[in-house]
C-alpha atoms as a PDB file:
ATOM      1  CA  MET A   1     -22.832 -20.510 -29.708  1.00  0.00           C
ATOM      2  CA  LYS A   2     -23.047 -17.673 -27.093  1.00  0.00           C
ATOM      3  CA  LEU A   3     -20.128 -17.751 -24.702  1.00  0.00           C
ATOM      4  CA  GLU A   4     -22.247 -16.504 -21.066  1.00  0.00           C
ATOM      5  CA  ARG A   5     -19.130 -16.617 -19.297  1.00  0.00           C
ATOM      6  CA  LEU A   6     -15.360 -16.273 -19.988  1.00  0.00           C
ATOM      7  CA  ALA A   7     -14.987 -19.771 -18.541  1.00  0.00           C
ATOM      8  CA  ASP A   8     -16.822 -21.108 -21.933  1.00  0.00           C
ATOM      9  CA  LEU A   9     -14.026 -19.804 -24.025  1.00  0.00           C
ATOM     10  CA  PHE A  10     -11.914 -22.816 -23.189  1.00  0.00           C
ATOM     11  CA  VAL A  11     -14.547 -25.203 -24.307  1.00  0.00           C
ATOM     12  CA  TYR A  12     -15.729 -23.299 -27.730  1.00  0.00           C
ATOM     13  CA  THR A  13     -11.746 -22.816 -28.520  1.00  0.00           C
ATOM     14  CA  LYS A  14     -10.988 -26.792 -28.220  1.00  0.00           C
ATOM     15  CA  SER A  15     -13.426 -27.343 -30.885  1.00  0.00           C
ATOM     16  CA  LEU A  16     -11.854 -24.906 -33.177  1.00  0.00           C
ATOM     17  CA  GLN A  17      -8.856 -25.394 -35.485  1.00  0.00           C
ATOM     18  CA  LYS A  18      -5.318 -24.905 -33.123  1.00  0.00           C
ATOM     19  CA  ARG A  19      -3.831 -21.190 -33.866  1.00  0.00           C
ATOM     20  CA  THR A  20      -0.205 -20.657 -33.565  1.00  0.00           C
ATOM     21  CA  LEU A  21       0.921 -18.434 -30.472  1.00  0.00           C
ATOM     22  CA  VAL A  22       4.039 -16.404 -30.881  1.00  0.00           C
ATOM     23  CA  ALA A  23       4.841 -14.431 -27.751  1.00  0.00           C
ATOM     24  CA  VAL A  24       7.864 -11.589 -27.984  1.00  0.00           C
ATOM     25  CA  ASN A  25      10.668 -12.089 -25.446  1.00  0.00           C
ATOM     26  CA  ALA A  26       8.946 -14.709 -23.433  1.00  0.00           C
ATOM     27  CA  VAL A  27      11.617 -14.716 -20.633  1.00  0.00           C
ATOM     28  CA  ASP A  28       9.464 -14.698 -17.680  1.00  0.00           C
ATOM     29  CA  LEU A  29       7.478 -16.671 -15.778  1.00  0.00           C
ATOM     30  CA  HIS A  30       4.234 -15.576 -15.816  1.00  0.00           C
ATOM     31  CA  THR A  31       4.192 -15.327 -19.909  1.00  0.00           C
ATOM     32  CA  LEU A  32       5.844 -18.928 -20.119  1.00  0.00           C
ATOM     33  CA  GLU A  33       3.099 -20.517 -17.530  1.00  0.00           C
ATOM     34  CA  ALA A  34       0.305 -19.090 -19.392  1.00  0.00           C
ATOM     35  CA  ILE A  35       1.567 -20.500 -22.516  1.00  0.00           C
ATOM     36  CA  SER A  36       2.291 -23.530 -21.009  1.00  0.00           C
ATOM     37  CA  GLU A  37      -1.193 -24.125 -20.178  1.00  0.00           C
ATOM     38  CA  ALA A  38      -2.716 -22.813 -23.189  1.00  0.00           C
ATOM     39  CA  VAL A  39      -0.555 -25.585 -24.998  1.00  0.00           C
ATOM     40  CA  LYS A  40      -1.172 -28.203 -22.822  1.00  0.00           C
ATOM     41  CA  LEU A  41      -4.974 -27.230 -23.314  1.00  0.00           C
ATOM     42  CA  GLY A  42      -4.743 -27.863 -26.872  1.00  0.00           C
ATOM     43  CA  ILE A  43      -6.092 -24.153 -27.423  1.00  0.00           C
ATOM     44  CA  VAL A  44      -2.490 -23.027 -29.524  1.00  0.00           C
ATOM     45  CA  SER A  45       0.947 -24.288 -30.473  1.00  0.00           C
ATOM     46  CA  GLY A  46       3.435 -22.255 -28.980  1.00  0.00           C
ATOM     47  CA  VAL A  47       6.357 -20.141 -30.222  1.00  0.00           C
ATOM     48  CA  VAL A  48       8.381 -17.753 -28.325  1.00  0.00           C
ATOM     49  CA  THR A  49      11.023 -15.403 -29.054  1.00  0.00           C
ATOM     50  CA  GLY A  50      13.665 -14.360 -26.418  1.00  0.00           C
ATOM     51  CA  ASN A  51      16.870 -15.513 -25.279  1.00  0.00           C
ATOM     52  CA  GLN A  52      17.375 -19.016 -25.514  1.00  0.00           C
ATOM     53  CA  ASP A  53      19.350 -19.849 -22.782  1.00  0.00           C
ATOM     54  CA  ALA A  54      17.066 -17.682 -20.363  1.00  0.00           C
ATOM     55  CA  ILE A  55      14.080 -19.320 -21.940  1.00  0.00           C
ATOM     56  CA  ILE A  56      14.639 -22.946 -20.780  1.00  0.00           C
ATOM     57  CA  GLN A  57      16.643 -21.598 -17.547  1.00  0.00           C
ATOM     58  CA  VAL A  58      13.224 -20.603 -16.367  1.00  0.00           C
ATOM     59  CA  CYS A  59      11.393 -23.356 -17.170  1.00  0.00           C
ATOM     60  CA  GLN A  60      13.772 -25.677 -15.698  1.00  0.00           C
ATOM     61  CA  SER A  61      13.203 -23.860 -12.582  1.00  0.00           C
ATOM     62  CA  ASN A  62       9.849 -23.771 -12.361  1.00  0.00           C
ATOM     63  CA  HIS A  63       8.925 -27.423 -13.712  1.00  0.00           C
ATOM     64  CA  ILE A  64       7.652 -26.151 -17.818  1.00  0.00           C
ATOM     65  CA  ASP A  65       8.322 -28.487 -20.510  1.00  0.00           C
ATOM     66  CA  HIS A  66      10.435 -26.193 -22.841  1.00  0.00           C
ATOM     67  CA  GLN A  67       9.681 -28.695 -25.371  1.00  0.00           C
ATOM     68  CA  LEU A  68       6.203 -27.500 -25.407  1.00  0.00           C
ATOM     69  CA  PHE A  69       6.491 -24.405 -27.719  1.00  0.00           C
ATOM     70  CA  ARG A  70       9.851 -23.772 -30.264  1.00  0.00           C
ATOM     71  CA  ILE A  71      12.078 -21.328 -29.262  1.00  0.00           C
ATOM     72  CA  ILE A  72      13.578 -18.591 -31.759  1.00  0.00           C
ATOM     73  CA  HIS A  73      16.853 -17.189 -30.339  1.00  0.00           C
ATOM     74  CA  ALA A  74      16.812 -13.685 -30.136  1.00  0.00           C
ATOM     75  CA  GLU A  75      19.621 -11.385 -28.300  1.00  0.00           C
ATOM     76  CA  THR A  76      17.618  -8.450 -27.615  1.00  0.00           C
ATOM     77  CA  GLU A  77      13.873  -6.897 -26.766  1.00  0.00           C
ATOM     78  CA  GLU A  78      14.006  -5.329 -30.206  1.00  0.00           C
ATOM     79  CA  GLU A  79      14.788  -8.389 -32.164  1.00  0.00           C
ATOM     80  CA  ALA A  80      12.695 -10.613 -30.123  1.00  0.00           C
ATOM     81  CA  ALA A  81       9.769  -8.369 -31.261  1.00  0.00           C
ATOM     82  CA  ARG A  82      11.024  -8.038 -35.258  1.00  0.00           C
ATOM     83  CA  LEU A  83      11.016 -12.254 -35.023  1.00  0.00           C
ATOM     84  CA  ALA A  84       7.778 -12.446 -33.638  1.00  0.00           C
ATOM     85  CA  VAL A  85       6.055  -9.716 -35.902  1.00  0.00           C
ATOM     86  CA  ALA A  86       8.059 -11.908 -39.073  1.00  0.00           C
ATOM     87  CA  GLU A  87       7.088 -14.923 -37.796  1.00  0.00           C
ATOM     88  CA  VAL A  88       3.077 -13.999 -37.278  1.00  0.00           C
ATOM     89  CA  ARG A  89       2.916 -13.007 -40.994  1.00  0.00           C
ATOM     90  CA  GLN A  90       4.247 -15.719 -42.256  1.00  0.00           C
ATOM     91  CA  THR A  91       1.908 -18.038 -39.960  1.00  0.00           C
ATOM     92  CA  PRO A  92      -1.444 -18.639 -41.244  1.00  0.00           C
ATOM     93  CA  GLY A  93      -4.093 -18.355 -38.082  1.00  0.00           C
ATOM     94  CA  SER A  94      -1.417 -16.970 -35.837  1.00  0.00           C
ATOM     95  CA  ILE A  95      -1.938 -14.760 -32.366  1.00  0.00           C
ATOM     96  CA  LEU A  96       1.053 -12.030 -31.105  1.00  0.00           C
ATOM     97  CA  MET A  97       1.519 -12.173 -27.545  1.00  0.00           C
ATOM     98  CA  LYS A  98       3.625  -9.471 -25.052  1.00  0.00           C
ATOM     99  CA  GLY A  99       6.216 -11.192 -23.289  1.00  0.00           C
ATOM    100  CA  LEU A 100       8.767  -9.213 -20.862  1.00  0.00           C
ATOM    101  CA  ILE A 101       9.284  -6.327 -23.396  1.00  0.00           C
ATOM    102  CA  SER A 102       8.315  -2.591 -22.873  1.00  0.00           C
ATOM    103  CA  SER A 103       4.858  -1.869 -24.504  1.00  0.00           C
ATOM    104  CA  ASP A 104       6.754   0.585 -26.562  1.00  0.00           C
ATOM    105  CA  LYS A 105       9.197  -1.745 -28.255  1.00  0.00           C
ATOM    106  CA  TYR A 106       6.286  -3.974 -28.419  1.00  0.00           C
ATOM    107  CA  MET A 107       4.058  -1.815 -30.361  1.00  0.00           C
ATOM    108  CA  ARG A 108       6.787  -0.359 -32.616  1.00  0.00           C
ATOM    109  CA  ALA A 109       7.325  -3.236 -34.130  1.00  0.00           C
ATOM    110  CA  ILE A 110       3.366  -3.748 -34.933  1.00  0.00           C
ATOM    111  CA  LEU A 111       3.028  -0.949 -36.234  1.00  0.00           C
ATOM    112  CA  ASN A 112       6.307  -0.573 -38.982  1.00  0.00           C
ATOM    113  CA  LYS A 113       5.260   0.429 -41.829  1.00  0.00           C
ATOM    114  CA  GLU A 114       6.746  -2.138 -44.021  1.00  0.00           C
ATOM    115  CA  ALA A 115       6.900  -5.053 -41.586  1.00  0.00           C
ATOM    116  CA  GLY A 116       4.377  -4.596 -39.374  1.00  0.00           C
ATOM    117  CA  LEU A 117       0.484  -5.735 -38.585  1.00  0.00           C
ATOM    118  CA  LEU A 118      -1.382  -3.047 -39.324  1.00  0.00           C
ATOM    119  CA  PRO A 119      -2.853  -2.306 -42.195  1.00  0.00           C
ATOM    120  CA  HIS A 120      -3.064   0.601 -44.320  1.00  0.00           C
ATOM    121  CA  GLY A 121      -5.286   3.792 -42.303  1.00  0.00           C
ATOM    122  CA  GLY A 122      -5.846   0.829 -39.499  1.00  0.00           C
ATOM    123  CA  VAL A 123      -6.810   1.573 -35.629  1.00  0.00           C
ATOM    124  CA  LEU A 124      -5.260  -0.068 -33.197  1.00  0.00           C
ATOM    125  CA  SER A 125      -8.070  -0.600 -29.971  1.00  0.00           C
ATOM    126  CA  HIS A 126      -7.722  -2.545 -26.640  1.00  0.00           C
ATOM    127  CA  VAL A 127     -10.666  -4.283 -26.421  1.00  0.00           C
ATOM    128  CA  SER A 128     -11.585  -6.604 -22.935  1.00  0.00           C
ATOM    129  CA  VAL A 129     -14.088  -8.898 -22.196  1.00  0.00           C
ATOM    130  CA  ILE A 130     -14.782  -8.492 -18.577  1.00  0.00           C
ATOM    131  CA  ASP A 131     -16.919 -11.220 -16.536  1.00  0.00           C
ATOM    132  CA  ASN A 132     -18.035  -9.397 -12.916  1.00  0.00           C
ATOM    133  CA  PRO A 133     -19.950 -11.672 -11.225  1.00  0.00           C
ATOM    134  CA  ASN A 134     -22.067  -8.720 -10.021  1.00  0.00           C
ATOM    135  CA  TYR A 135     -23.678  -8.438 -13.305  1.00  0.00           C
ATOM    136  CA  HIS A 136     -25.642 -10.524 -15.092  1.00  0.00           C
ATOM    137  CA  LYS A 137     -23.824 -11.114 -18.404  1.00  0.00           C
ATOM    138  CA  LEU A 138     -20.544 -10.435 -19.673  1.00  0.00           C
ATOM    139  CA  MET A 139     -18.946  -6.871 -20.267  1.00  0.00           C
ATOM    140  CA  ILE A 140     -16.952  -6.142 -23.786  1.00  0.00           C
ATOM    141  CA  ALA A 141     -15.216  -2.407 -22.919  1.00  0.00           C
ATOM    142  CA  SER A 142     -12.895  -0.164 -25.489  1.00  0.00           C
ATOM    143  CA  ASP A 143     -10.302   1.232 -24.926  1.00  0.00           C
ATOM    144  CA  VAL A 144      -8.277   0.969 -21.676  1.00  0.00           C
ATOM    145  CA  ALA A 145      -5.020   0.379 -23.036  1.00  0.00           C
ATOM    146  CA  ILE A 146      -3.810   2.297 -26.171  1.00  0.00           C
ATOM    147  CA  ILE A 147      -5.839   5.274 -27.070  1.00  0.00           C
ATOM    148  CA  PRO A 148      -5.608   8.269 -24.910  1.00  0.00           C
ATOM    149  CA  TYR A 149      -8.654  10.621 -25.730  1.00  0.00           C
ATOM    150  CA  PRO A 150      -9.787   9.188 -28.822  1.00  0.00           C
ATOM    151  CA  THR A 151     -11.042  11.683 -32.015  1.00  0.00           C
ATOM    152  CA  ILE A 152     -14.528  11.209 -32.916  1.00  0.00           C
ATOM    153  CA  GLN A 153     -13.550   8.923 -35.840  1.00  0.00           C
ATOM    154  CA  GLN A 154     -11.593   6.733 -33.102  1.00  0.00           C
ATOM    155  CA  LYS A 155     -14.630   6.641 -31.490  1.00  0.00           C
ATOM    156  CA  ILE A 156     -16.481   4.998 -33.950  1.00  0.00           C
ATOM    157  CA  ALA A 157     -14.125   1.897 -35.135  1.00  0.00           C
ATOM    158  CA  MET A 158     -13.781   1.176 -31.382  1.00  0.00           C
ATOM    159  CA  ALA A 159     -17.599   0.624 -31.336  1.00  0.00           C
ATOM    160  CA  HIS A 160     -17.206  -1.524 -35.041  1.00  0.00           C
ATOM    161  CA  TYR A 161     -14.412  -3.826 -32.840  1.00  0.00           C
ATOM    162  CA  LEU A 162     -16.915  -4.034 -30.097  1.00  0.00           C
ATOM    163  CA  LYS A 163     -19.819  -5.265 -32.170  1.00  0.00           C
ATOM    164  CA  GLN A 164     -18.067  -7.625 -33.737  1.00  0.00           C
ATOM    165  CA  MET A 165     -16.213  -8.957 -30.597  1.00  0.00           C
ATOM    166  CA  ALA A 166     -19.706  -8.940 -29.308  1.00  0.00           C
ATOM    167  CA  LEU A 167     -20.892 -10.966 -32.325  1.00  0.00           C
ATOM    168  CA  ASP A 168     -17.812 -13.396 -32.166  1.00  0.00           C
ATOM    169  CA  LEU A 169     -18.833 -14.256 -28.733  1.00  0.00           C
ATOM    170  CA  GLY A 170     -22.517 -15.105 -30.032  1.00  0.00           C
ATOM    171  CA  ILE A 171     -24.025 -12.180 -28.820  1.00  0.00           C
ATOM    172  CA  SER A 172     -27.007 -11.526 -32.013  1.00  0.00           C
ATOM    173  CA  HIS A 173     -27.543  -7.934 -31.446  1.00  0.00           C
ATOM    174  CA  PRO A 174     -25.167  -6.585 -29.340  1.00  0.00           C
ATOM    175  CA  LYS A 175     -26.006  -3.497 -27.091  1.00  0.00           C
ATOM    176  CA  ILE A 176     -23.223  -0.810 -27.145  1.00  0.00           C
ATOM    177  CA  ALA A 177     -23.337   2.213 -24.686  1.00  0.00           C
ATOM    178  CA  LEU A 178     -21.554   5.072 -25.431  1.00  0.00           C
ATOM    179  CA  ILE A 179     -20.340   6.068 -21.770  1.00  0.00           C
ATOM    180  CA  ALA A 180     -20.973   9.761 -20.081  1.00  0.00           C
ATOM    181  CA  PRO A 181     -21.441  11.260 -17.061  1.00  0.00           C
ATOM    182  CA  THR A 182     -24.925  12.075 -17.650  1.00  0.00           C
ATOM    183  CA  GLU A 183     -27.711  11.511 -20.062  1.00  0.00           C
ATOM    184  CA  GLN A 184     -27.817  15.283 -21.158  1.00  0.00           C
ATOM    185  CA  VAL A 185     -26.133  16.631 -23.802  1.00  0.00           C
ATOM    186  CA  LEU A 186     -23.830  19.094 -21.735  1.00  0.00           C
ATOM    187  CA  PRO A 187     -21.678  20.810 -24.456  1.00  0.00           C
ATOM    188  CA  SER A 188     -18.678  21.121 -21.824  1.00  0.00           C
ATOM    189  CA  LEU A 189     -18.682  17.845 -22.395  1.00  0.00           C
ATOM    190  CA  VAL A 190     -16.854  16.001 -25.451  1.00  0.00           C
ATOM    191  CA  SER A 191     -17.797  12.489 -23.850  1.00  0.00           C
ATOM    192  CA  CYS A 192     -21.859  14.059 -24.398  1.00  0.00           C
ATOM    193  CA  THR A 193     -21.197  15.634 -28.064  1.00  0.00           C
ATOM    194  CA  ASP A 194     -18.944  13.142 -29.496  1.00  0.00           C
ATOM    195  CA  ALA A 195     -22.022  10.420 -28.610  1.00  0.00           C
ATOM    196  CA  VAL A 196     -24.547  12.544 -30.309  1.00  0.00           C
ATOM    197  CA  GLU A 197     -21.974  12.453 -33.282  1.00  0.00           C
ATOM    198  CA  ILE A 198     -21.595   8.541 -33.355  1.00  0.00           C
ATOM    199  CA  MET A 199     -25.446   8.177 -32.664  1.00  0.00           C
ATOM    200  CA  LYS A 200     -25.764  10.015 -36.285  1.00  0.00           C
ATOM    201  CA  ALA A 201     -23.920   6.980 -37.626  1.00  0.00           C
ATOM    202  CA  ALA A 202     -25.903   4.479 -35.647  1.00  0.00           C
ATOM    203  CA  GLU A 203     -28.888   6.233 -37.036  1.00  0.00           C
ATOM    204  CA  ASN A 204     -27.449   5.703 -40.452  1.00  0.00           C
ATOM    205  CA  GLY A 205     -27.092   2.089 -39.611  1.00  0.00           C
ATOM    206  CA  GLN A 206     -23.187   1.997 -39.753  1.00  0.00           C
ATOM    207  CA  PHE A 207     -23.626  -0.408 -36.725  1.00  0.00           C
ATOM    208  CA  GLU A 208     -26.403  -2.798 -37.439  1.00  0.00           C
ATOM    209  CA  PRO A 209     -27.548  -5.362 -36.199  1.00  0.00           C
ATOM    210  CA  ALA A 210     -26.051  -3.491 -32.982  1.00  0.00           C
ATOM    211  CA  THR A 211     -28.502  -1.210 -30.866  1.00  0.00           C
ATOM    212  CA  VAL A 212     -26.354   1.753 -29.881  1.00  0.00           C
ATOM    213  CA  PHE A 213     -27.498   4.314 -27.159  1.00  0.00           C
ATOM    214  CA  GLY A 214     -25.631   7.321 -25.731  1.00  0.00           C
ATOM    215  CA  PRO A 215     -24.766   9.371 -24.049  1.00  0.00           C
ATOM    216  CA  ILE A 216     -25.340   7.647 -21.137  1.00  0.00           C
ATOM    217  CA  ALA A 217     -24.146   7.063 -17.560  1.00  0.00           C
ATOM    218  CA  LEU A 218     -22.683   3.927 -16.470  1.00  0.00           C
ATOM    219  CA  ASP A 219     -25.419   3.557 -13.923  1.00  0.00           C
ATOM    220  CA  VAL A 220     -28.122   3.996 -16.381  1.00  0.00           C
ATOM    221  CA  ALA A 221     -25.918   1.448 -18.761  1.00  0.00           C
ATOM    222  CA  ILE A 222     -25.555  -1.707 -16.492  1.00  0.00           C
ATOM    223  CA  ASP A 223     -28.415  -1.130 -14.138  1.00  0.00           C
ATOM    224  CA  LYS A 224     -32.195  -1.423 -14.684  1.00  0.00           C
ATOM    225  CA  GLU A 225     -33.207   0.190 -11.406  1.00  0.00           C
ATOM    226  CA  SER A 226     -31.120   3.440 -12.278  1.00  0.00           C
ATOM    227  CA  ALA A 227     -32.393   3.744 -15.581  1.00  0.00           C
ATOM    228  CA  GLU A 228     -36.314   3.128 -14.873  1.00  0.00           C
ATOM    229  CA  ILE A 229     -35.499   5.993 -11.719  1.00  0.00           C
ATOM    230  CA  LYS A 230     -34.184   8.299 -14.134  1.00  0.00           C
ATOM    231  CA  GLY A 231     -36.832   7.993 -16.746  1.00  0.00           C
ATOM    232  CA  ILE A 232     -34.409   6.555 -19.710  1.00  0.00           C
ATOM    233  CA  THR A 233     -36.190   4.016 -22.109  1.00  0.00           C
ATOM    234  CA  SER A 234     -33.680   2.387 -24.182  1.00  0.00           C
ATOM    235  CA  ASP A 235     -33.133  -1.171 -24.906  1.00  0.00           C
ATOM    236  CA  VAL A 236     -29.435  -0.516 -23.819  1.00  0.00           C
ATOM    237  CA  ALA A 237     -30.299   0.818 -20.490  1.00  0.00           C
ATOM    238  CA  GLY A 238     -29.514  -1.623 -17.847  1.00  0.00           C
ATOM    239  CA  GLU A 239     -28.966  -4.476 -20.604  1.00  0.00           C
ATOM    240  CA  ALA A 240     -25.208  -3.063 -22.157  1.00  0.00           C
ATOM    241  CA  ASP A 241     -23.238  -5.650 -23.826  1.00  0.00           C
ATOM    242  CA  CYS A 242     -20.797  -2.900 -24.785  1.00  0.00           C
ATOM    243  CA  LEU A 243     -19.447   0.063 -22.500  1.00  0.00           C
ATOM    244  CA  LEU A 244     -17.295   2.710 -25.022  1.00  0.00           C
ATOM    245  CA  PHE A 245     -15.369   4.651 -23.077  1.00  0.00           C
ATOM    246  CA  PRO A 246     -14.860   8.524 -23.535  1.00  0.00           C
ATOM    247  CA  ASN A 247     -11.419   8.437 -22.714  1.00  0.00           C
ATOM    248  CA  ILE A 248      -8.310   6.271 -21.098  1.00  0.00           C
ATOM    249  CA  ASP A 249      -8.958   7.650 -17.956  1.00  0.00           C
ATOM    250  CA  ALA A 250     -12.506   5.638 -17.487  1.00  0.00           C
ATOM    251  CA  GLY A 251     -12.140   2.920 -19.129  1.00  0.00           C
ATOM    252  CA  ASN A 252      -8.371   1.701 -17.197  1.00  0.00           C
ATOM    253  CA  VAL A 253      -9.876   2.735 -13.783  1.00  0.00           C
ATOM    254  CA  PHE A 254     -13.152   0.790 -15.030  1.00  0.00           C
ATOM    255  CA  TYR A 255     -10.744  -1.693 -16.022  1.00  0.00           C
ATOM    256  CA  LYS A 256      -8.722  -2.052 -12.733  1.00  0.00           C
ATOM    257  CA  MET A 257     -11.575  -1.559 -10.210  1.00  0.00           C
ATOM    258  CA  ASN A 258     -12.953  -4.432 -11.949  1.00  0.00           C
ATOM    259  CA  THR A 259     -10.087  -6.444 -11.367  1.00  0.00           C
ATOM    260  CA  LYS A 260      -8.983  -5.442  -7.919  1.00  0.00           C
ATOM    261  CA  LEU A 261     -12.270  -4.681  -6.405  1.00  0.00           C
ATOM    262  CA  CYS A 262     -14.715  -6.932  -7.716  1.00  0.00           C
ATOM    263  CA  GLY A 263     -12.969 -10.270  -8.088  1.00  0.00           C
ATOM    264  CA  ALA A 264     -13.856  -9.855 -11.835  1.00  0.00           C
ATOM    265  CA  ASP A 265     -12.423 -12.485 -14.302  1.00  0.00           C
ATOM    266  CA  GLN A 266     -10.874 -10.697 -17.813  1.00  0.00           C
ATOM    267  CA  ALA A 267      -9.312 -11.267 -21.127  1.00  0.00           C
ATOM    268  CA  ALA A 268      -8.360  -8.524 -23.116  1.00  0.00           C
ATOM    269  CA  VAL A 269      -7.198  -8.663 -27.017  1.00  0.00           C
ATOM    270  CA  VAL A 270      -5.870  -5.068 -29.408  1.00  0.00           C
ATOM    271  CA  MET A 271      -7.848  -5.131 -32.230  1.00  0.00           C
ATOM    272  CA  GLY A 272      -7.142  -3.615 -35.569  1.00  0.00           C
ATOM    273  CA  ALA A 273      -4.154  -5.519 -36.717  1.00  0.00           C
ATOM    274  CA  THR A 274      -4.336  -8.198 -39.282  1.00  0.00           C
ATOM    275  CA  VAL A 275      -4.320 -10.563 -35.943  1.00  0.00           C
ATOM    276  CA  PRO A 276      -5.554 -10.763 -32.379  1.00  0.00           C
ATOM    277  CA  VAL A 277      -2.620  -9.208 -30.508  1.00  0.00           C
ATOM    278  CA  VAL A 278      -2.736  -9.544 -26.420  1.00  0.00           C
ATOM    279  CA  LEU A 279      -1.529  -7.218 -24.835  1.00  0.00           C
ATOM    280  CA  SER A 280      -0.619  -8.332 -20.992  1.00  0.00           C
ATOM    281  CA  SER A 281       0.298  -6.132 -18.484  1.00  0.00           C
ATOM    282  CA  ARG A 282       3.151  -7.328 -16.006  1.00  0.00           C
ATOM    283  CA  GLY A 283       0.174  -6.411 -13.188  1.00  0.00           C
ATOM    284  CA  ASP A 284      -2.078  -9.477 -15.054  1.00  0.00           C
ATOM    285  CA  SER A 285      -2.045 -12.640 -13.252  1.00  0.00           C
ATOM    286  CA  ILE A 286      -1.619 -15.959 -15.532  1.00  0.00           C
ATOM    287  CA  SER A 287      -5.655 -16.171 -15.093  1.00  0.00           C
ATOM    288  CA  THR A 288      -6.060 -13.274 -17.199  1.00  0.00           C
ATOM    289  CA  LYS A 289      -3.369 -13.777 -19.651  1.00  0.00           C
ATOM    290  CA  LEU A 290      -4.731 -17.809 -20.564  1.00  0.00           C
ATOM    291  CA  ASN A 291      -7.885 -16.062 -20.848  1.00  0.00           C
ATOM    292  CA  SER A 292      -6.841 -13.659 -23.622  1.00  0.00           C
ATOM    293  CA  ILE A 293      -4.922 -16.483 -25.148  1.00  0.00           C
ATOM    294  CA  ALA A 294      -8.506 -18.113 -25.587  1.00  0.00           C
ATOM    295  CA  LEU A 295      -9.717 -14.901 -26.897  1.00  0.00           C
ATOM    296  CA  ALA A 296      -7.216 -14.142 -29.410  1.00  0.00           C
ATOM    297  CA  ALA A 297      -7.969 -17.659 -30.512  1.00  0.00           C
ATOM    298  CA  LEU A 298     -11.303 -17.198 -31.324  1.00  0.00           C
ATOM    299  CA  LEU A 299     -11.201 -14.044 -32.638  1.00  0.00           C
ATOM    300  CA  SER A 300      -8.410 -15.739 -34.804  1.00  0.00           C
ATOM    301  CA  LYS A 301      -9.353 -16.252 -38.495  1.00  0.00           C
END
C-alpha cells in the first residue's frame, strides 16, 4: 500500500498487529493526550514511565482515562528513561517515545552501551515525513534534529534510512535528492563535494532500488519548472521523494518552515536504534506527536 498523505497512516496502521508504545516521563498533557488518542484509535497499547501521582493528576484534570495505559512509577527523569528503555528491550514490537524529559537524558539512555538501544557501530538519524499542501506527494527529510554536521559515512547511512522509510511508505523506487545550494561541484562547499562521494556509492548500487542525485538545489529537487529552466535532467529533479540535507542548519530550518509557514502536517522518528524512537519537540503539536506514533507503529518490526 502506498501512502499518499499522512492521514493514510492511521488507516494502514490499524490493519497491522498492535504495537506497544513506551513513553519516557509522560507527566505532561501533550504527551498523555497523544498517547491516549493513539490507544483509543487502536494503533498501540500504552505504557508510561514517570511519577505515578503526577501522571494521574494530569489525566484527571484533563478528562483522560489513565487506565488506558500502564504506569511504571519513577522518581526522576533518569529513572524514567532507564525503566522505559528496559521495558522496550523486553517487549517485542515496541516503540520508545520522549515525554517531558531533556533530549540529552533521553538520548543518553538510548545510547547506553550496556542497556541501551543502539546496535554496535550504529548511526542514529532523525527522519521526518512532511505532508506539505504545496507539494504533490509526501517528502521525507533527514537530518533535522540529531547529527549537526554529518560525515560522508553518516550521510550514506542517512540515505539508507531515507530509502527504507520510503519503501515502508509504499514508494517502490524512491528518488533521493542530495541537497546543496547548487548543482555545480564547488570545492568550497562541503555539501557539493560530499554529494559527489555519495554518488559514487550510488553508482555502485548501494541504494537500489532508489535513484540518488546530487548535488542538487532544493528548488530543482521539488519543482519541475526550476529544473527545466536550469536544464537539469534527472528522474529526481522536480520529483524528489527524499531530501538529504547537508547539515542540521539547513534541515532544521526546512522542517520548522514547513510547520510554521506552510501549514504542513508532519511526523518524525529516529532511525538506527533497535526500535523506532519518537523524539518529539516540546513545540510539536499533539497532531504531530500522534502522527509520529503512527509512523513508528508502521516501522516497528
